[in-house]
Amino acid sequence: MAILVEWEHLKLINCLKLQFIAKSWSVCKRI
């Protein structure tokens, strides 16, 4: 279960990075 939580955490971090580059929240909302 911890692995799944870590994966979700990594997705969130990657999303925030993409959002920062794209200056948009739409990327995060899809995940």
PDB file of N, CA and C in Angstrom:
ATOM      1  N   MET A   1       0.843  -1.206   0.000  1.00  0.00           N
ATOM      2  CA  MET A   1       0.000   0.000   0.000  1.00  0.00           C
ATOM      3  C   MET A   1       0.877   1.255   0.000  1.00  0.00           C
ATOM      4  N   ALA A   2       1.985   1.167   0.691  1.00  0.00           N
ATOM      5  CA  ALA A   2       2.882   2.326   0.766  1.00  0.00           C
ATOM      6  C   ALA A   2       3.416   2.692  -0.613  1.00  0.00           C
ATOM      7  N   ILE A   3       3.610   1.661  -1.437  1.00  0.00           N
ATOM      8  CA  ILE A   3       4.113   1.911  -2.795  1.00  0.00           C
ATOM      9  C   ILE A   3       3.080   2.698  -3.588  1.00  0.00           C
ATOM     10  N   LEU A   4       1.811   2.337  -3.429  1.00  0.00           N
ATOM     11  CA  LEU A   4       0.739   3.032  -4.137  1.00  0.00           C
ATOM     12  C   LEU A   4       0.665   4.487  -3.704  1.00  0.00           C
ATOM     13  N   VAL A   5       0.781   4.715  -2.410  1.00  0.00           N
ATOM     14  CA  VAL A   5       0.752   6.082  -1.885  1.00  0.00           C
ATOM     15  C   VAL A   5       1.922   6.887  -2.441  1.00  0.00           C
ATOM     16  N   GLU A   6       3.084   6.261  -2.495  1.00  0.00           N
ATOM     17  CA  GLU A   6       4.275   6.929  -3.017  1.00  0.00           C
ATOM     18  C   GLU A   6       4.089   7.279  -4.485  1.00  0.00           C
ATOM     19  N   TRP A   7       3.454   6.373  -5.220  1.00  0.00           N
ATOM     20  CA  TRP A   7       3.197   6.609  -6.643  1.00  0.00           C
ATOM     21  C   TRP A   7       2.276   7.813  -6.811  1.00  0.00           C
ATOM     22  N   GLU A   8       1.228   7.869  -6.014  1.00  0.00           N
ATOM     23  CA  GLU A   8       0.302   9.005  -6.066  1.00  0.00           C
ATOM     24  C   GLU A   8       1.038  10.292  -5.728  1.00  0.00           C
ATOM     25  N   HIS A   9       1.947  10.224  -4.779  1.00  0.00           N
ATOM     26  CA  HIS A   9       2.725  11.390  -4.364  1.00  0.00           C
ATOM     27  C   HIS A   9       3.606  11.866  -5.510  1.00  0.00           C
ATOM     28  N   LEU A  10       4.227  10.912  -6.201  1.00  0.00           N
ATOM     29  CA  LEU A  10       5.088  11.254  -7.334  1.00  0.00           C
ATOM     30  C   LEU A  10       4.273  11.870  -8.460  1.00  0.00           C
ATOM     31  N   LYS A  11       3.067  11.340  -8.689  1.00  0.00           N
ATOM     32  CA  LYS A  11       2.201  11.896  -9.731  1.00  0.00           C
ATOM     33  C   LYS A  11       1.859  13.337  -9.398  1.00  0.00           C
ATOM     34  N   LEU A  12       1.594  13.599  -8.126  1.00  0.00           N
ATOM     35  CA  LEU A  12       1.254  14.956  -7.702  1.00  0.00           C
ATOM     36  C   LEU A  12       2.423  15.901  -7.931  1.00  0.00           C
ATOM     37  N   ILE A  13       3.623  15.467  -7.562  1.00  0.00           N
ATOM     38  CA  ILE A  13       4.816  16.293  -7.753  1.00  0.00           C
ATOM     39  C   ILE A  13       5.041  16.579  -9.231  1.00  0.00           C
ATOM     40  N   ASN A  14       4.929  15.535 -10.053  1.00  0.00           N
ATOM     41  CA  ASN A  14       5.111  15.708 -11.493  1.00  0.00           C
ATOM     42  C   ASN A  14       4.063  16.651 -12.051  1.00  0.00           C
ATOM     43  N   CYS A  15       2.853  16.535 -11.542  1.00  0.00           N
ATOM     44  CA  CYS A  15       1.767  17.403 -11.974  1.00  0.00           C
ATOM     45  C   CYS A  15       2.073  18.854 -11.637  1.00  0.00           C
ATOM     46  N   LEU A  16       2.552  19.093 -10.431  1.00  0.00           N
ATOM     47  CA  LEU A  16       2.875  20.455 -10.013  1.00  0.00           C
ATOM     48  C   LEU A  16       3.988  21.041 -10.865  1.00  0.00           C
ATOM     49  N   LYS A  17       4.956  20.193 -11.243  1.00  0.00           N
ATOM     50  CA  LYS A  17       6.053  20.648 -12.100  1.00  0.00           C
ATOM     51  C   LYS A  17       5.525  21.037 -13.474  1.00  0.00           C
ATOM     52  N   LEU A  18       4.672  20.182 -14.034  1.00  0.00           N
ATOM     53  CA  LEU A  18       4.098  20.452 -15.355  1.00  0.00           C
ATOM     54  C   LEU A  18       3.248  21.710 -15.315  1.00  0.00           C
ATOM     55  N   GLN A  19       2.480  21.838 -14.246  1.00  0.00           N
ATOM     56  CA  GLN A  19       1.607  22.990 -14.079  1.00  0.00           C
ATOM     57  C   GLN A  19       2.434  24.267 -14.001  1.00  0.00           C
ATOM     58  N   PHE A  20       3.558  24.202 -13.294  1.00  0.00           N
ATOM     59  CA  PHE A  20       4.428  25.367 -13.155  1.00  0.00           C
ATOM     60  C   PHE A  20       4.968  25.793 -14.520  1.00  0.00           C
ATOM     61  N   ILE A  21       5.311  24.794 -15.329  1.00  0.00           N
ATOM     62  CA  ILE A  21       5.831  25.079 -16.668  1.00  0.00           C
ATOM     63  C   ILE A  21       4.712  25.601 -17.571  1.00  0.00           C
ATOM     64  N   ALA A  22       3.556  24.959 -17.490  1.00  0.00           N
ATOM     65  CA  ALA A  22       2.440  25.305 -18.373  1.00  0.00           C
ATOM     66  C   ALA A  22       1.617  26.470 -17.834  1.00  0.00           C
ATOM     67  N   LYS A  23       1.850  26.815 -16.558  1.00  0.00           N
ATOM     68  CA  LYS A  23       1.094  27.888 -15.913  1.00  0.00           C
ATOM     69  C   LYS A  23      -0.413  27.594 -15.970  1.00  0.00           C
ATOM     70  N   SER A  24      -0.750  26.326 -15.767  1.00  0.00           N
ATOM     71  CA  SER A  24      -2.151  25.919 -15.868  1.00  0.00           C
ATOM     72  C   SER A  24      -2.472  24.798 -14.883  1.00  0.00           C
ATOM     73  N   TRP A  25      -3.695  24.818 -14.337  1.00  0.00           N
ATOM     74  CA  TRP A  25      -4.131  23.780 -13.401  1.00  0.00           C
ATOM     75  C   TRP A  25      -4.797  22.614 -14.121  1.00  0.00           C
ATOM     76  N   SER A  26      -5.089  22.777 -15.413  1.00  0.00           N
ATOM     77  CA  SER A  26      -5.818  21.750 -16.156  1.00  0.00           C
ATOM     78  C   SER A  26      -5.084  20.413 -16.152  1.00  0.00           C
ATOM     79  N   VAL A  27      -3.753  20.460 -16.124  1.00  0.00           N
ATOM     80  CA  VAL A  27      -2.964  19.228 -16.112  1.00  0.00           C
ATOM     81  C   VAL A  27      -3.250  18.436 -14.843  1.00  0.00           C
ATOM     82  N   CYS A  28      -3.325  19.123 -13.721  1.00  0.00           N
ATOM     83  CA  CYS A  28      -3.550  18.462 -12.438  1.00  0.00           C
ATOM     84  C   CYS A  28      -4.961  17.905 -12.330  1.00  0.00           C
ATOM     85  N   LYS A  29      -5.911  18.618 -12.854  1.00  0.00           N
ATOM     86  CA  LYS A  29      -7.307  18.200 -12.722  1.00  0.00           C
ATOM     87  C   LYS A  29      -7.583  16.877 -13.426  1.00  0.00           C
ATOM     88  N   ARG A  30      -6.806  16.564 -14.456  1.00  0.00           N
ATOM     89  CA  ARG A  30      -7.020  15.316 -15.190  1.00  0.00           C
ATOM     90  C   ARG A  30      -6.556  14.106 -14.399  1.00  0.00           C
ATOM     91  N   ILE A  31      -5.605  14.287 -13.513  1.00  0.00           N
ATOM     92  CA  ILE A  31      -5.053  13.166 -12.749  1.00  0.00           C
ATOM     93  C   ILE A  31      -5.940  12.841 -11.543  1.00  0.00           C
TER      94      ILE A  31
END
